[in-house]
Amino acid sequence: MFTYALSRGAQQGYLDAHYKSVAQRGYEGVLAKISLGSDGRTNLTDISIGTNVGDYAFYIARPRETNDFHGLGAFLIMNEQLRTRVRNQPTQDEVSQP
């Protein structure tokens, strides 16, 4: 949700445009947690299960799961925000061509 908020905030002008690249790095980090399971289905790993109010140590120590609904919903929202931005950006080859 942080990645979504940074991207959307920069898109709407609430945040400095520099946060677009921060959101992009966050998006790429989440995409790195996606794998294909032996059943052929997509898995999203390392999702912190539901959290309650607590300090930093409490939050960091939360158990992690694969495909936990807390993270899947947030992923879908973030992906919808960022996937079209990534798709519409030129590739490195296109940028380096004269």
PDB file of N, CA and C in Angstrom:
ATOM      1  N   MET A   1       0.831  -1.196   0.000  1.00  0.00           N
ATOM      2  CA  MET A   1       0.000   0.000   0.000  1.00  0.00           C
ATOM      3  C   MET A   1       0.872   1.255   0.000  1.00  0.00           C
ATOM      4  N   PHE A   2       2.062   1.182   0.609  1.00  0.00           N
ATOM      5  CA  PHE A   2       2.958   2.331   0.576  1.00  0.00           C
ATOM      6  C   PHE A   2       3.364   2.650  -0.855  1.00  0.00           C
ATOM      7  N   THR A   3       3.669   1.608  -1.621  1.00  0.00           N
ATOM      8  CA  THR A   3       4.064   1.808  -3.018  1.00  0.00           C
ATOM      9  C   THR A   3       2.927   2.436  -3.812  1.00  0.00           C
ATOM     10  N   TYR A   4       1.728   1.945  -3.623  1.00  0.00           N
ATOM     11  CA  TYR A   4       0.564   2.525  -4.289  1.00  0.00           C
ATOM     12  C   TYR A   4       0.411   3.997  -3.906  1.00  0.00           C
ATOM     13  N   ALA A   5       0.486   4.284  -2.602  1.00  0.00           N
ATOM     14  CA  ALA A   5       0.278   5.658  -2.130  1.00  0.00           C
ATOM     15  C   ALA A   5       1.338   6.607  -2.681  1.00  0.00           C
ATOM     16  N   LEU A   6       2.582   6.172  -2.734  1.00  0.00           N
ATOM     17  CA  LEU A   6       3.639   7.021  -3.290  1.00  0.00           C
ATOM     18  C   LEU A   6       3.403   7.292  -4.769  1.00  0.00           C
ATOM     19  N   SER A   7       3.046   6.255  -5.508  1.00  0.00           N
ATOM     20  CA  SER A   7       2.800   6.416  -6.942  1.00  0.00           C
ATOM     21  C   SER A   7       1.612   7.330  -7.206  1.00  0.00           C
ATOM     22  N   ARG A   8       0.529   7.065  -6.527  1.00  0.00           N
ATOM     23  CA  ARG A   8      -0.692   7.854  -6.734  1.00  0.00           C
ATOM     24  C   ARG A   8      -0.496   9.299  -6.279  1.00  0.00           C
ATOM     25  N   GLY A   9       0.174   9.474  -5.140  1.00  0.00           N
ATOM     26  CA  GLY A   9       0.429  10.822  -4.641  1.00  0.00           C
ATOM     27  C   GLY A   9       1.280  11.637  -5.596  1.00  0.00           C
ATOM     28  N   ALA A  10       2.307  11.018  -6.174  1.00  0.00           N
ATOM     29  CA  ALA A  10       3.149  11.718  -7.156  1.00  0.00           C
ATOM     30  C   ALA A  10       2.377  11.987  -8.433  1.00  0.00           C
ATOM     31  N   GLN A  11       1.563  11.038  -8.848  1.00  0.00           N
ATOM     32  CA  GLN A  11       0.752  11.205 -10.061  1.00  0.00           C
ATOM     33  C   GLN A  11      -0.213  12.380  -9.924  1.00  0.00           C
ATOM     34  N   GLN A  12      -0.801  12.530  -8.758  1.00  0.00           N
ATOM     35  CA  GLN A  12      -1.780  13.588  -8.530  1.00  0.00           C
ATOM     36  C   GLN A  12      -1.136  14.928  -8.156  1.00  0.00           C
ATOM     37  N   GLY A  13       0.185  14.932  -7.951  1.00  0.00           N
ATOM     38  CA  GLY A  13       0.884  16.171  -7.611  1.00  0.00           C
ATOM     39  C   GLY A  13       0.908  16.472  -6.120  1.00  0.00           C
ATOM     40  N   TYR A  14       0.470  15.540  -5.288  1.00  0.00           N
ATOM     41  CA  TYR A  14       0.510  15.729  -3.833  1.00  0.00           C
ATOM     42  C   TYR A  14       1.921  15.536  -3.301  1.00  0.00           C
ATOM     43  N   LEU A  15       2.707  14.740  -4.006  1.00  0.00           N
ATOM     44  CA  LEU A  15       4.096  14.472  -3.634  1.00  0.00           C
ATOM     45  C   LEU A  15       5.001  14.895  -4.769  1.00  0.00           C
ATOM     46  N   ASP A  16       6.250  15.154  -4.448  1.00  0.00           N
ATOM     47  CA  ASP A  16       7.247  15.500  -5.447  1.00  0.00           C
ATOM     48  C   ASP A  16       7.349  14.373  -6.485  1.00  0.00           C
ATOM     49  N   ALA A  17       7.591  14.732  -7.727  1.00  0.00           N
ATOM     50  CA  ALA A  17       7.660  13.751  -8.819  1.00  0.00           C
ATOM     51  C   ALA A  17       8.746  12.703  -8.589  1.00  0.00           C
ATOM     52  N   HIS A  18       9.729  13.015  -7.783  1.00  0.00           N
ATOM     53  CA  HIS A  18      10.807  12.062  -7.468  1.00  0.00           C
ATOM     54  C   HIS A  18      10.251  10.768  -6.872  1.00  0.00           C
ATOM     55  N   TYR A  19       9.109  10.826  -6.229  1.00  0.00           N
ATOM     56  CA  TYR A  19       8.536   9.641  -5.611  1.00  0.00           C
ATOM     57  C   TYR A  19       8.009   8.630  -6.620  1.00  0.00           C
ATOM     58  N   LYS A  20       7.878   9.029  -7.880  1.00  0.00           N
ATOM     59  CA  LYS A  20       7.504   8.067  -8.915  1.00  0.00           C
ATOM     60  C   LYS A  20       8.568   6.990  -9.034  1.00  0.00           C
ATOM     61  N   SER A  21       9.839   7.388  -8.996  1.00  0.00           N
ATOM     62  CA  SER A  21      10.915   6.393  -9.090  1.00  0.00           C
ATOM     63  C   SER A  21      11.010   5.563  -7.812  1.00  0.00           C
ATOM     64  N   VAL A  22      10.695   6.146  -6.671  1.00  0.00           N
ATOM     65  CA  VAL A  22      10.672   5.393  -5.413  1.00  0.00           C
ATOM     66  C   VAL A  22       9.589   4.321  -5.492  1.00  0.00           C
ATOM     67  N   ALA A  23       8.421   4.699  -5.977  1.00  0.00           N
ATOM     68  CA  ALA A  23       7.321   3.741  -6.125  1.00  0.00           C
ATOM     69  C   ALA A  23       7.697   2.650  -7.122  1.00  0.00           C
ATOM     70  N   GLN A  24       8.367   3.021  -8.190  1.00  0.00           N
ATOM     71  CA  GLN A  24       8.790   2.037  -9.188  1.00  0.00           C
ATOM     72  C   GLN A  24       9.710   0.997  -8.565  1.00  0.00           C
ATOM     73  N   ARG A  25      10.653   1.433  -7.739  1.00  0.00           N
ATOM     74  CA  ARG A  25      11.560   0.481  -7.077  1.00  0.00           C
ATOM     75  C   ARG A  25      10.777  -0.421  -6.117  1.00  0.00           C
ATOM     76  N   GLY A  26       9.800   0.150  -5.420  1.00  0.00           N
ATOM     77  CA  GLY A  26       8.958  -0.659  -4.542  1.00  0.00           C
ATOM     78  C   GLY A  26       8.180  -1.706  -5.318  1.00  0.00           C
ATOM     79  N   TYR A  27       7.641  -1.297  -6.443  1.00  0.00           N
ATOM     80  CA  TYR A  27       6.887  -2.209  -7.308  1.00  0.00           C
ATOM     81  C   TYR A  27       7.769  -3.362  -7.784  1.00  0.00           C
ATOM     82  N   GLU A  28       8.964  -3.032  -8.230  1.00  0.00           N
ATOM     83  CA  GLU A  28       9.888  -4.065  -8.685  1.00  0.00           C
ATOM     84  C   GLU A  28      10.251  -5.014  -7.545  1.00  0.00           C
ATOM     85  N   GLY A  29      10.373  -4.482  -6.337  1.00  0.00           N
ATOM     86  CA  GLY A  29      10.660  -5.327  -5.182  1.00  0.00           C
ATOM     87  C   GLY A  29       9.540  -6.308  -4.900  1.00  0.00           C
ATOM     88  N   VAL A  30       8.304  -5.855  -5.012  1.00  0.00           N
ATOM     89  CA  VAL A  30       7.165  -6.756  -4.798  1.00  0.00           C
ATOM     90  C   VAL A  30       7.093  -7.790  -5.919  1.00  0.00           C
ATOM     91  N   LEU A  31       7.321  -7.362  -7.147  1.00  0.00           N
ATOM     92  CA  LEU A  31       7.289  -8.314  -8.264  1.00  0.00           C
ATOM     93  C   LEU A  31       8.333  -9.408  -8.095  1.00  0.00           C
ATOM     94  N   ALA A  32       9.431  -9.095  -7.421  1.00  0.00           N
ATOM     95  CA  ALA A  32      10.474 -10.093  -7.170  1.00  0.00           C
ATOM     96  C   ALA A  32      10.002 -11.177  -6.210  1.00  0.00           C
ATOM     97  N   LYS A  33       8.919 -10.933  -5.498  1.00  0.00           N
ATOM     98  CA  LYS A  33       8.362 -11.906  -4.551  1.00  0.00           C
ATOM     99  C   LYS A  33       7.347 -12.834  -5.206  1.00  0.00           C
ATOM    100  N   ILE A  34       7.128 -12.693  -6.498  1.00  0.00           N
ATOM    101  CA  ILE A  34       6.162 -13.517  -7.219  1.00  0.00           C
ATOM    102  C   ILE A  34       6.881 -14.705  -7.847  1.00  0.00           C
ATOM    103  N   SER A  35       6.276 -15.872  -7.707  1.00  0.00           N
ATOM    104  CA  SER A  35       6.832 -17.078  -8.313  1.00  0.00           C
ATOM    105  C   SER A  35       5.687 -17.938  -8.839  1.00  0.00           C
ATOM    106  N   LEU A  36       6.048 -18.923  -9.611  1.00  0.00           N
ATOM    107  CA  LEU A  36       5.078 -19.866 -10.150  1.00  0.00           C
ATOM    108  C   LEU A  36       5.174 -21.152  -9.343  1.00  0.00           C
ATOM    109  N   GLY A  37       4.061 -21.565  -8.761  1.00  0.00           N
ATOM    110  CA  GLY A  37       4.038 -22.775  -7.951  1.00  0.00           C
ATOM    111  C   GLY A  37       4.030 -24.032  -8.789  1.00  0.00           C
ATOM    112  N   SER A  38       4.257 -25.159  -8.150  1.00  0.00           N
ATOM    113  CA  SER A  38       4.263 -26.447  -8.852  1.00  0.00           C
ATOM    114  C   SER A  38       2.899 -26.773  -9.457  1.00  0.00           C
ATOM    115  N   ASP A  39       1.851 -26.129  -8.936  1.00  0.00           N
ATOM    116  CA  ASP A  39       0.503 -26.320  -9.476  1.00  0.00           C
ATOM    117  C   ASP A  39       0.210 -25.402 -10.660  1.00  0.00           C
ATOM    118  N   GLY A  40       1.197 -24.589 -11.058  1.00  0.00           N
ATOM    119  CA  GLY A  40       1.036 -23.683 -12.190  1.00  0.00           C
ATOM    120  C   GLY A  40       0.401 -22.355 -11.830  1.00  0.00           C
ATOM    121  N   ARG A  41       0.110 -22.152 -10.566  1.00  0.00           N
ATOM    122  CA  ARG A  41      -0.502 -20.902 -10.121  1.00  0.00           C
ATOM    123  C   ARG A  41       0.553 -19.936  -9.602  1.00  0.00           C
ATOM    124  N   THR A  42       0.222 -18.677  -9.683  1.00  0.00           N
ATOM    125  CA  THR A  42       1.115 -17.635  -9.210  1.00  0.00           C
ATOM    126  C   THR A  42       1.065 -17.549  -7.690  1.00  0.00           C
ATOM    127  N   ASN A  43       2.225 -17.384  -7.077  1.00  0.00           N
ATOM    128  CA  ASN A  43       2.328 -17.221  -5.627  1.00  0.00           C
ATOM    129  C   ASN A  43       2.991 -15.889  -5.301  1.00  0.00           C
ATOM    130  N   LEU A  44       2.452 -15.199  -4.324  1.00  0.00           N
ATOM    131  CA  LEU A  44       3.069 -13.987  -3.797  1.00  0.00           C
ATOM    132  C   LEU A  44       3.547 -14.312  -2.391  1.00  0.00           C
ATOM    133  N   THR A  45       4.853 -14.286  -2.196  1.00  0.00           N
ATOM    134  CA  THR A  45       5.450 -14.720  -0.941  1.00  0.00           C
ATOM    135  C   THR A  45       5.798 -13.550  -0.028  1.00  0.00           C
ATOM    136  N   ASP A  46       6.106 -13.882   1.200  1.00  0.00           N
ATOM    137  CA  ASP A  46       6.635 -12.947   2.192  1.00  0.00           C
ATOM    138  C   ASP A  46       5.639 -11.867   2.595  1.00  0.00           C
ATOM    139  N   ILE A  47       4.359 -12.234   2.678  1.00  0.00           N
ATOM    140  CA  ILE A  47       3.321 -11.293   3.080  1.00  0.00           C
ATOM    141  C   ILE A  47       3.189 -11.324   4.593  1.00  0.00           C
ATOM    142  N   SER A  48       3.290 -10.160   5.208  1.00  0.00           N
ATOM    143  CA  SER A  48       3.086 -10.063   6.650  1.00  0.00           C
ATOM    144  C   SER A  48       1.607 -10.277   6.935  1.00  0.00           C
ATOM    145  N   ILE A  49       1.298 -11.263   7.789  1.00  0.00           N
ATOM    146  CA  ILE A  49      -0.107 -11.523   8.082  1.00  0.00           C
ATOM    147  C   ILE A  49      -0.688 -10.349   8.857  1.00  0.00           C
ATOM    148  N   GLY A  50      -1.970 -10.290   9.011  1.00  0.00           N
ATOM    149  CA  GLY A  50      -2.656  -9.171   9.641  1.00  0.00           C
ATOM    150  C   GLY A  50      -1.922  -8.599  10.842  1.00  0.00           C
ATOM    151  N   THR A  51      -1.850  -7.301  10.881  1.00  0.00           N
ATOM    152  CA  THR A  51      -1.128  -6.635  11.959  1.00  0.00           C
ATOM    153  C   THR A  51      -2.084  -5.847  12.829  1.00  0.00           C
ATOM    154  N   ASN A  52      -1.650  -5.620  14.022  1.00  0.00           N
ATOM    155  CA  ASN A  52      -2.365  -4.798  14.975  1.00  0.00           C
ATOM    156  C   ASN A  52      -1.431  -3.662  15.365  1.00  0.00           C
ATOM    157  N   VAL A  53      -1.870  -2.795  16.212  1.00  0.00           N
ATOM    158  CA  VAL A  53      -1.027  -1.688  16.654  1.00  0.00           C
ATOM    159  C   VAL A  53       0.107  -2.242  17.503  1.00  0.00           C
ATOM    160  N   GLY A  54       1.305  -1.803  17.242  1.00  0.00           N
ATOM    161  CA  GLY A  54       2.466  -2.225  18.009  1.00  0.00           C
ATOM    162  C   GLY A  54       3.670  -1.410  17.607  1.00  0.00           C
ATOM    163  N   ASP A  55       4.778  -1.692  18.235  1.00  0.00           N
ATOM    164  CA  ASP A  55       5.994  -0.967  17.890  1.00  0.00           C
ATOM    165  C   ASP A  55       6.675  -1.626  16.688  1.00  0.00           C
ATOM    166  N   TYR A  56       7.795  -1.064  16.290  1.00  0.00           N
ATOM    167  CA  TYR A  56       8.508  -1.554  15.114  1.00  0.00           C
ATOM    168  C   TYR A  56       8.895  -3.023  15.267  1.00  0.00           C
ATOM    169  N   ALA A  57       9.400  -3.400  16.432  1.00  0.00           N
ATOM    170  CA  ALA A  57       9.812  -4.788  16.664  1.00  0.00           C
ATOM    171  C   ALA A  57       8.626  -5.743  16.498  1.00  0.00           C
ATOM    172  N   PHE A  58       7.463  -5.344  16.981  1.00  0.00           N
ATOM    173  CA  PHE A  58       6.260  -6.160  16.836  1.00  0.00           C
ATOM    174  C   PHE A  58       5.941  -6.360  15.354  1.00  0.00           C
ATOM    175  N   TYR A  59       5.994  -5.283  14.588  1.00  0.00           N
ATOM    176  CA  TYR A  59       5.656  -5.353  13.169  1.00  0.00           C
ATOM    177  C   TYR A  59       6.648  -6.224  12.409  1.00  0.00           C
ATOM    178  N   ILE A  60       7.929  -6.037  12.653  1.00  0.00           N
ATOM    179  CA  ILE A  60       8.968  -6.787  11.946  1.00  0.00           C
ATOM    180  C   ILE A  60       8.897  -8.285  12.270  1.00  0.00           C
ATOM    181  N   ALA A  61       8.478  -8.618  13.475  1.00  0.00           N
ATOM    182  CA  ALA A  61       8.440 -10.021  13.903  1.00  0.00           C
ATOM    183  C   ALA A  61       7.189 -10.762  13.444  1.00  0.00           C
ATOM    184  N   ARG A  62       6.269 -10.095  12.771  1.00  0.00           N
ATOM    185  CA  ARG A  62       5.029 -10.751  12.334  1.00  0.00           C
ATOM    186  C   ARG A  62       5.354 -11.923  11.422  1.00  0.00           C
ATOM    187  N   PRO A  63       4.604 -13.009  11.551  1.00  0.00           N
ATOM    188  CA  PRO A  63       4.801 -14.154  10.645  1.00  0.00           C
ATOM    189  C   PRO A  63       4.543 -13.750   9.190  1.00  0.00           C
ATOM    190  N   ARG A  64       5.204 -14.438   8.285  1.00  0.00           N
ATOM    191  CA  ARG A  64       5.050 -14.189   6.848  1.00  0.00           C
ATOM    192  C   ARG A  64       4.409 -15.407   6.198  1.00  0.00           C
ATOM    193  N   GLU A  65       3.539 -15.156   5.240  1.00  0.00           N
ATOM    194  CA  GLU A  65       2.830 -16.228   4.553  1.00  0.00           C
ATOM    195  C   GLU A  65       2.890 -16.023   3.041  1.00  0.00           C
ATOM    196  N   THR A  66       2.516 -17.044   2.328  1.00  0.00           N
ATOM    197  CA  THR A  66       2.354 -16.975   0.879  1.00  0.00           C
ATOM    198  C   THR A  66       0.866 -16.859   0.578  1.00  0.00           C
ATOM    199  N   ASN A  67       0.518 -15.906  -0.273  1.00  0.00           N
ATOM    200  CA  ASN A  67      -0.853 -15.673  -0.733  1.00  0.00           C
ATOM    201  C   ASN A  67      -1.830 -15.302   0.383  1.00  0.00           C
ATOM    202  N   ASP A  68      -1.349 -14.680   1.441  1.00  0.00           N
ATOM    203  CA  ASP A  68      -2.242 -14.195   2.492  1.00  0.00           C
ATOM    204  C   ASP A  68      -3.101 -13.068   1.922  1.00  0.00           C
ATOM    205  N   PHE A  69      -4.386 -13.081   2.238  1.00  0.00           N
ATOM    206  CA  PHE A  69      -5.307 -12.102   1.655  1.00  0.00           C
ATOM    207  C   PHE A  69      -4.947 -10.659   2.003  1.00  0.00           C
ATOM    208  N   HIS A  70      -4.294 -10.436   3.135  1.00  0.00           N
ATOM    209  CA  HIS A  70      -3.898  -9.063   3.492  1.00  0.00           C
ATOM    210  C   HIS A  70      -2.974  -8.473   2.428  1.00  0.00           C
ATOM    211  N   GLY A  71      -2.110  -9.290   1.894  1.00  0.00           N
ATOM    212  CA  GLY A  71      -1.176  -8.806   0.886  1.00  0.00           C
ATOM    213  C   GLY A  71      -1.700  -8.895  -0.527  1.00  0.00           C
ATOM    214  N   LEU A  72      -2.527  -9.881  -0.802  1.00  0.00           N
ATOM    215  CA  LEU A  72      -3.031 -10.032  -2.166  1.00  0.00           C
ATOM    216  C   LEU A  72      -3.904  -8.857  -2.588  1.00  0.00           C
ATOM    217  N   GLY A  73      -4.758  -8.407  -1.695  1.00  0.00           N
ATOM    218  CA  GLY A  73      -5.597  -7.251  -2.014  1.00  0.00           C
ATOM    219  C   GLY A  73      -4.761  -5.999  -2.259  1.00  0.00           C
ATOM    220  N   ALA A  74      -3.791  -5.779  -1.391  1.00  0.00           N
ATOM    221  CA  ALA A  74      -2.904  -4.616  -1.557  1.00  0.00           C
ATOM    222  C   ALA A  74      -2.111  -4.736  -2.853  1.00  0.00           C
ATOM    223  N   PHE A  75      -1.667  -5.951  -3.180  1.00  0.00           N
ATOM    224  CA  PHE A  75      -0.939  -6.165  -4.428  1.00  0.00           C
ATOM    225  C   PHE A  75      -1.794  -5.795  -5.635  1.00  0.00           C
ATOM    226  N   LEU A  76      -3.041  -6.220  -5.641  1.00  0.00           N
ATOM    227  CA  LEU A  76      -3.912  -5.935  -6.780  1.00  0.00           C
ATOM    228  C   LEU A  76      -4.116  -4.434  -6.972  1.00  0.00           C
ATOM    229  N   ILE A  77      -4.292  -3.720  -5.887  1.00  0.00           N
ATOM    230  CA  ILE A  77      -4.453  -2.262  -5.970  1.00  0.00           C
ATOM    231  C   ILE A  77      -3.170  -1.621  -6.490  1.00  0.00           C
ATOM    232  N   MET A  78      -2.025  -2.008  -5.917  1.00  0.00           N
ATOM    233  CA  MET A  78      -0.738  -1.455  -6.343  1.00  0.00           C
ATOM    234  C   MET A  78      -0.457  -1.798  -7.799  1.00  0.00           C
ATOM    235  N   ASN A  79      -0.707  -3.048  -8.177  1.00  0.00           N
ATOM    236  CA  ASN A  79      -0.424  -3.478  -9.537  1.00  0.00           C
ATOM    237  C   ASN A  79      -1.266  -2.700 -10.546  1.00  0.00           C
ATOM    238  N   GLU A  80      -2.516  -2.465 -10.230  1.00  0.00           N
ATOM    239  CA  GLU A  80      -3.379  -1.706 -11.136  1.00  0.00           C
ATOM    240  C   GLU A  80      -2.847  -0.278 -11.327  1.00  0.00           C
ATOM    241  N   GLN A  81      -2.333   0.315 -10.279  1.00  0.00           N
ATOM    242  CA  GLN A  81      -1.777   1.664 -10.353  1.00  0.00           C
ATOM    243  C   GLN A  81      -0.495   1.694 -11.184  1.00  0.00           C
ATOM    244  N   LEU A  82       0.374   0.719 -10.988  1.00  0.00           N
ATOM    245  CA  LEU A  82       1.719   0.794 -11.558  1.00  0.00           C
ATOM    246  C   LEU A  82       1.920   0.015 -12.845  1.00  0.00           C
ATOM    247  N   ARG A  83       1.125  -0.973 -13.130  1.00  0.00           N
ATOM    248  CA  ARG A  83       1.389  -1.809 -14.309  1.00  0.00           C
ATOM    249  C   ARG A  83       1.290  -1.033 -15.612  1.00  0.00           C
ATOM    250  N   THR A  84       0.344  -0.128 -15.726  1.00  0.00           N
ATOM    251  CA  THR A  84       0.213   0.639 -16.965  1.00  0.00           C
ATOM    252  C   THR A  84       1.336   1.654 -17.091  1.00  0.00           C
ATOM    253  N   ARG A  85       1.814   2.159 -15.976  1.00  0.00           N
ATOM    254  CA  ARG A  85       2.946   3.089 -16.021  1.00  0.00           C
ATOM    255  C   ARG A  85       4.178   2.375 -16.532  1.00  0.00           C
ATOM    256  N   VAL A  86       4.403   1.143 -16.070  1.00  0.00           N
ATOM    257  CA  VAL A  86       5.556   0.367 -16.505  1.00  0.00           C
ATOM    258  C   VAL A  86       5.408   0.016 -17.978  1.00  0.00           C
ATOM    259  N   ARG A  87       4.219  -0.400 -18.378  1.00  0.00           N
ATOM    260  CA  ARG A  87       3.978  -0.800 -19.762  1.00  0.00           C
ATOM    261  C   ARG A  87       4.182   0.371 -20.722  1.00  0.00           C
ATOM    262  N   ASN A  88       3.889   1.584 -20.302  1.00  0.00           N
ATOM    263  CA  ASN A  88       3.982   2.752 -21.178  1.00  0.00           C
ATOM    264  C   ASN A  88       5.350   3.415 -21.163  1.00  0.00           C
ATOM    265  N   GLN A  89       6.269   2.936 -20.321  1.00  0.00           N
ATOM    266  CA  GLN A  89       7.603   3.517 -20.283  1.00  0.00           C
ATOM    267  C   GLN A  89       8.446   2.898 -21.390  1.00  0.00           C
ATOM    268  N   PRO A  90       9.330   3.706 -22.003  1.00  0.00           N
ATOM    269  CA  PRO A  90      10.194   3.144 -23.039  1.00  0.00           C
ATOM    270  C   PRO A  90      11.186   2.156 -22.425  1.00  0.00           C
ATOM    271  N   THR A  91      11.573   1.164 -23.212  1.00  0.00           N
ATOM    272  CA  THR A  91      12.589   0.215 -22.759  1.00  0.00           C
ATOM    273  C   THR A  91      13.951   0.886 -22.795  1.00  0.00           C
ATOM    274  N   GLN A  92      14.935   0.266 -22.178  1.00  0.00           N
ATOM    275  CA  GLN A  92      16.295   0.815 -22.178  1.00  0.00           C
ATOM    276  C   GLN A  92      16.824   0.929 -23.592  1.00  0.00           C
ATOM    277  N   ASP A  93      16.500  -0.046 -24.463  1.00  0.00           N
ATOM    278  CA  ASP A  93      16.935   0.001 -25.861  1.00  0.00           C
ATOM    279  C   ASP A  93      16.327   1.196 -26.582  1.00  0.00           C
ATOM    280  N   GLU A  94      15.064   1.488 -26.336  1.00  0.00           N
ATOM    281  CA  GLU A  94      14.407   2.616 -26.987  1.00  0.00           C
ATOM    282  C   GLU A  94      14.994   3.936 -26.520  1.00  0.00           C
ATOM    283  N   VAL A  95      15.381   4.015 -25.250  1.00  0.00           N
ATOM    284  CA  VAL A  95      15.950   5.244 -24.709  1.00  0.00           C
ATOM    285  C   VAL A  95      17.312   5.512 -25.310  1.00  0.00           C
ATOM    286  N   SER A  96      18.115   4.475 -25.523  1.00  0.00           N
ATOM    287  CA  SER A  96      19.494   4.659 -25.998  1.00  0.00           C
ATOM    288  C   SER A  96      19.603   4.816 -27.503  1.00  0.00           C
ATOM    289  N   GLN A  97      18.508   4.617 -28.248  1.00  0.00           N
ATOM    290  CA  GLN A  97      18.561   4.794 -29.705  1.00  0.00           C
ATOM    291  C   GLN A  97      18.509   6.273 -30.039  1.00  0.00           C
ATOM    292  N   PRO A  98      19.245   6.666 -31.110  1.00  0.00           N
ATOM    293  CA  PRO A  98      19.238   8.100 -31.505  1.00  0.00           C
ATOM    294  C   PRO A  98      17.923   8.574 -32.035  1.00  0.00           C
TER     295      PRO A  98
END
